[in-house]
Amino acid sequence: MQITINVPDTLPKERLKQRIKELEQSLITEAKFFAVFAKQQTATDDPWTNPNVVLPATDTGIQDFAINHDHYLYGTDKQ
């Protein structure tokens, strides 16, 4: 991220330093907020947002099930 700040040449150096400190504090506060927000979003046990892919997997013992699933499910010809 890059921030460009345009300041007048007449702004005193001390006042510029103060404004930069205020901006830094504001960015730090925002970063902390988003870190907490992101942590809350990923820490959910909702299966729709964090599906456990291994859970619904079943070993059918059929080697060509992925290729011929229509045959095994609906009785169509094998490919």
N, C-alpha and C. Protein backbone atom coordinates (compact mmCIF):
# COMPACT_ATOMS: atom_id res chain seq x y z
N MET A 1 0.85 -1.17 0.00
CA MET A 1 0.00 0.00 0.00
C MET A 1 0.89 1.23 0.00
N GLN A 2 0.49 2.21 -0.74
CA GLN A 2 1.24 3.46 -0.81
C GLN A 2 0.28 4.60 -0.57
N ILE A 3 0.68 5.53 0.26
CA ILE A 3 -0.13 6.71 0.56
C ILE A 3 0.66 7.93 0.11
N THR A 4 0.01 8.78 -0.64
CA THR A 4 0.62 10.04 -1.06
C THR A 4 -0.06 11.16 -0.32
N ILE A 5 0.75 12.00 0.30
CA ILE A 5 0.23 13.14 1.08
C ILE A 5 0.76 14.41 0.45
N ASN A 6 -0.14 15.26 0.07
CA ASN A 6 0.23 16.57 -0.45
C ASN A 6 0.09 17.59 0.68
N VAL A 7 1.18 18.25 0.99
CA VAL A 7 1.16 19.25 2.07
C VAL A 7 1.65 20.59 1.53
N PRO A 8 1.11 21.64 2.05
CA PRO A 8 1.58 22.95 1.59
C PRO A 8 3.01 23.22 2.08
N ASP A 9 3.74 23.97 1.34
CA ASP A 9 5.11 24.30 1.72
C ASP A 9 5.16 25.15 2.98
N THR A 10 4.08 25.80 3.29
CA THR A 10 4.06 26.69 4.45
C THR A 10 3.76 25.96 5.76
N LEU A 11 3.46 24.66 5.68
CA LEU A 11 3.17 23.90 6.89
C LEU A 11 4.44 23.73 7.71
N PRO A 12 4.43 24.12 8.99
CA PRO A 12 5.63 23.98 9.82
C PRO A 12 6.02 22.50 9.98
N LYS A 13 7.30 22.27 10.08
CA LYS A 13 7.84 20.92 10.17
C LYS A 13 7.28 20.15 11.36
N GLU A 14 7.14 20.80 12.49
CA GLU A 14 6.61 20.15 13.69
C GLU A 14 5.14 19.75 13.49
N ARG A 15 4.39 20.61 12.84
CA ARG A 15 2.98 20.31 12.58
C ARG A 15 2.87 19.13 11.60
N LEU A 16 3.76 19.06 10.62
CA LEU A 16 3.78 17.95 9.68
C LEU A 16 4.08 16.64 10.40
N LYS A 17 5.06 16.65 11.29
CA LYS A 17 5.39 15.46 12.08
C LYS A 17 4.20 15.00 12.91
N GLN A 18 3.50 15.97 13.49
CA GLN A 18 2.32 15.65 14.31
C GLN A 18 1.24 14.99 13.45
N ARG A 19 0.98 15.52 12.26
CA ARG A 19 -0.03 14.97 11.36
C ARG A 19 0.34 13.56 10.90
N ILE A 20 1.64 13.34 10.65
CA ILE A 20 2.10 12.01 10.23
C ILE A 20 1.89 11.01 11.37
N LYS A 21 2.20 11.40 12.60
CA LYS A 21 1.98 10.53 13.76
C LYS A 21 0.50 10.18 13.90
N GLU A 22 -0.38 11.18 13.71
CA GLU A 22 -1.82 10.94 13.79
C GLU A 22 -2.27 9.95 12.71
N LEU A 23 -1.73 10.09 11.52
CA LEU A 23 -2.06 9.20 10.43
C LEU A 23 -1.57 7.78 10.73
N GLU A 24 -0.36 7.65 11.24
CA GLU A 24 0.17 6.33 11.61
C GLU A 24 -0.71 5.66 12.65
N GLN A 25 -1.12 6.40 13.67
CA GLN A 25 -1.98 5.85 14.72
C GLN A 25 -3.32 5.40 14.14
N SER A 26 -3.86 6.21 13.25
CA SER A 26 -5.12 5.86 12.61
C SER A 26 -4.99 4.57 11.81
N LEU A 27 -3.92 4.42 11.07
CA LEU A 27 -3.70 3.21 10.27
C LEU A 27 -3.49 1.99 11.15
N ILE A 28 -2.78 2.15 12.26
CA ILE A 28 -2.56 1.05 13.20
C ILE A 28 -3.90 0.60 13.79
N THR A 29 -4.74 1.56 14.16
CA THR A 29 -6.05 1.24 14.72
C THR A 29 -6.89 0.49 13.70
N GLU A 30 -6.90 0.95 12.46
CA GLU A 30 -7.66 0.28 11.40
C GLU A 30 -7.12 -1.13 11.16
N ALA A 31 -5.80 -1.30 11.16
CA ALA A 31 -5.21 -2.61 10.93
C ALA A 31 -5.60 -3.58 12.03
N LYS A 32 -5.62 -3.12 13.27
CA LYS A 32 -6.03 -3.97 14.39
C LYS A 32 -7.49 -4.38 14.25
N PHE A 33 -8.35 -3.44 13.83
CA PHE A 33 -9.76 -3.74 13.63
C PHE A 33 -9.93 -4.82 12.57
N PHE A 34 -9.24 -4.68 11.44
CA PHE A 34 -9.39 -5.66 10.37
C PHE A 34 -8.79 -7.01 10.75
N ALA A 35 -7.73 -7.01 11.55
CA ALA A 35 -7.15 -8.27 12.00
C ALA A 35 -8.15 -9.03 12.87
N VAL A 36 -8.81 -8.32 13.79
CA VAL A 36 -9.82 -8.95 14.65
C VAL A 36 -10.99 -9.41 13.80
N PHE A 37 -11.43 -8.59 12.85
CA PHE A 37 -12.55 -8.93 11.98
C PHE A 37 -12.23 -10.18 11.15
N ALA A 38 -11.03 -10.25 10.59
CA ALA A 38 -10.63 -11.40 9.77
C ALA A 38 -10.55 -12.65 10.63
N LYS A 39 -10.07 -12.52 11.86
CA LYS A 39 -9.96 -13.66 12.76
C LYS A 39 -11.35 -14.20 13.10
N GLN A 40 -12.32 -13.31 13.30
CA GLN A 40 -13.69 -13.73 13.59
C GLN A 40 -14.28 -14.45 12.40
N GLN A 41 -13.97 -14.01 11.19
CA GLN A 41 -14.53 -14.62 10.00
C GLN A 41 -13.98 -16.03 9.78
N THR A 42 -12.74 -16.29 10.12
CA THR A 42 -12.15 -17.60 9.88
C THR A 42 -12.34 -18.54 11.06
N ALA A 43 -12.73 -18.05 12.21
CA ALA A 43 -12.84 -18.89 13.40
C ALA A 43 -14.23 -19.47 13.57
N THR A 44 -15.00 -19.56 12.52
CA THR A 44 -16.35 -20.08 12.63
C THR A 44 -16.39 -21.58 12.37
N ASP A 45 -17.33 -22.26 12.98
CA ASP A 45 -17.51 -23.68 12.76
C ASP A 45 -18.66 -23.96 11.79
N ASP A 46 -19.10 -22.94 11.09
CA ASP A 46 -20.19 -23.09 10.14
C ASP A 46 -19.75 -23.99 8.99
N PRO A 47 -20.43 -25.12 8.76
CA PRO A 47 -19.99 -26.04 7.71
C PRO A 47 -20.13 -25.46 6.30
N TRP A 48 -20.93 -24.42 6.13
CA TRP A 48 -21.06 -23.83 4.81
C TRP A 48 -19.87 -22.94 4.46
N THR A 49 -19.21 -22.38 5.46
CA THR A 49 -18.04 -21.55 5.20
C THR A 49 -16.74 -22.32 5.36
N ASN A 50 -16.75 -23.38 6.17
CA ASN A 50 -15.56 -24.22 6.38
C ASN A 50 -15.93 -25.68 6.18
N PRO A 51 -16.18 -26.10 4.95
CA PRO A 51 -16.59 -27.50 4.75
C PRO A 51 -15.46 -28.47 5.03
N ASN A 52 -15.79 -29.57 5.65
CA ASN A 52 -14.82 -30.63 5.89
C ASN A 52 -14.94 -31.59 4.71
N VAL A 53 -14.02 -31.50 3.77
CA VAL A 53 -14.12 -32.26 2.53
C VAL A 53 -13.98 -33.75 2.79
N VAL A 54 -13.23 -34.15 3.79
CA VAL A 54 -13.00 -35.56 4.06
C VAL A 54 -14.26 -36.22 4.62
N LEU A 55 -15.06 -35.49 5.35
CA LEU A 55 -16.23 -36.06 6.02
C LEU A 55 -17.20 -36.76 5.08
N PRO A 56 -17.65 -36.14 3.96
CA PRO A 56 -18.63 -36.83 3.13
C PRO A 56 -18.03 -37.86 2.15
N ALA A 57 -16.71 -38.03 2.14
CA ALA A 57 -16.08 -38.96 1.21
C ALA A 57 -16.36 -40.39 1.64
N THR A 58 -16.71 -41.23 0.66
CA THR A 58 -16.99 -42.63 0.92
C THR A 58 -16.24 -43.48 -0.10
N ASP A 59 -15.59 -44.54 0.37
CA ASP A 59 -14.89 -45.44 -0.53
C ASP A 59 -15.90 -46.48 -1.02
N THR A 60 -16.23 -46.43 -2.31
CA THR A 60 -17.20 -47.37 -2.89
C THR A 60 -16.53 -48.64 -3.37
N GLY A 61 -15.22 -48.64 -3.53
CA GLY A 61 -14.51 -49.79 -4.04
C GLY A 61 -14.58 -49.89 -5.56
N ILE A 62 -15.25 -48.96 -6.21
CA ILE A 62 -15.38 -48.95 -7.66
C ILE A 62 -14.26 -48.07 -8.23
N GLN A 63 -13.37 -48.66 -9.03
CA GLN A 63 -12.20 -47.94 -9.52
C GLN A 63 -12.55 -46.86 -10.54
N ASP A 64 -13.57 -47.09 -11.38
CA ASP A 64 -13.89 -46.13 -12.44
C ASP A 64 -15.15 -45.31 -12.12
N PHE A 65 -15.44 -45.13 -10.86
CA PHE A 65 -16.68 -44.44 -10.47
C PHE A 65 -16.71 -43.00 -10.97
N ALA A 66 -15.58 -42.29 -10.93
CA ALA A 66 -15.55 -40.90 -11.36
C ALA A 66 -15.84 -40.79 -12.86
N ILE A 67 -15.34 -41.72 -13.64
CA ILE A 67 -15.54 -41.67 -15.09
C ILE A 67 -16.95 -42.13 -15.46
N ASN A 68 -17.42 -43.20 -14.82
CA ASN A 68 -18.70 -43.81 -15.18
C ASN A 68 -19.78 -43.60 -14.12
N HIS A 69 -19.75 -42.47 -13.47
CA HIS A 69 -20.74 -42.26 -12.39
C HIS A 69 -22.17 -42.31 -12.91
N ASP A 70 -22.43 -41.85 -14.14
CA ASP A 70 -23.79 -41.93 -14.70
C ASP A 70 -24.24 -43.38 -14.85
N HIS A 71 -23.32 -44.26 -15.20
CA HIS A 71 -23.64 -45.68 -15.34
C HIS A 71 -24.08 -46.25 -13.98
N TYR A 72 -23.29 -45.95 -12.94
CA TYR A 72 -23.58 -46.52 -11.62
C TYR A 72 -24.78 -45.85 -10.95
N LEU A 73 -25.02 -44.59 -11.24
CA LEU A 73 -26.14 -43.90 -10.60
C LEU A 73 -27.43 -44.03 -11.38
N TYR A 74 -27.36 -43.96 -12.73
CA TYR A 74 -28.57 -43.87 -13.54
C TYR A 74 -28.73 -45.01 -14.53
N GLY A 75 -27.74 -45.90 -14.63
CA GLY A 75 -27.86 -47.05 -15.51
C GLY A 75 -27.53 -46.76 -16.96
N THR A 76 -26.89 -45.65 -17.28
CA THR A 76 -26.51 -45.36 -18.67
C THR A 76 -25.33 -46.24 -19.06
N ASP A 77 -24.99 -46.26 -20.35
CA ASP A 77 -23.87 -47.05 -20.84
C ASP A 77 -22.55 -46.52 -20.27
N LYS A 78 -21.58 -47.44 -20.03
CA LYS A 78 -20.25 -47.03 -19.58
C LYS A 78 -19.53 -46.29 -20.68
N GLN A 79 -18.62 -45.41 -20.29
CA GLN A 79 -17.84 -44.67 -21.28
C GLN A 79 -16.57 -45.37 -21.61
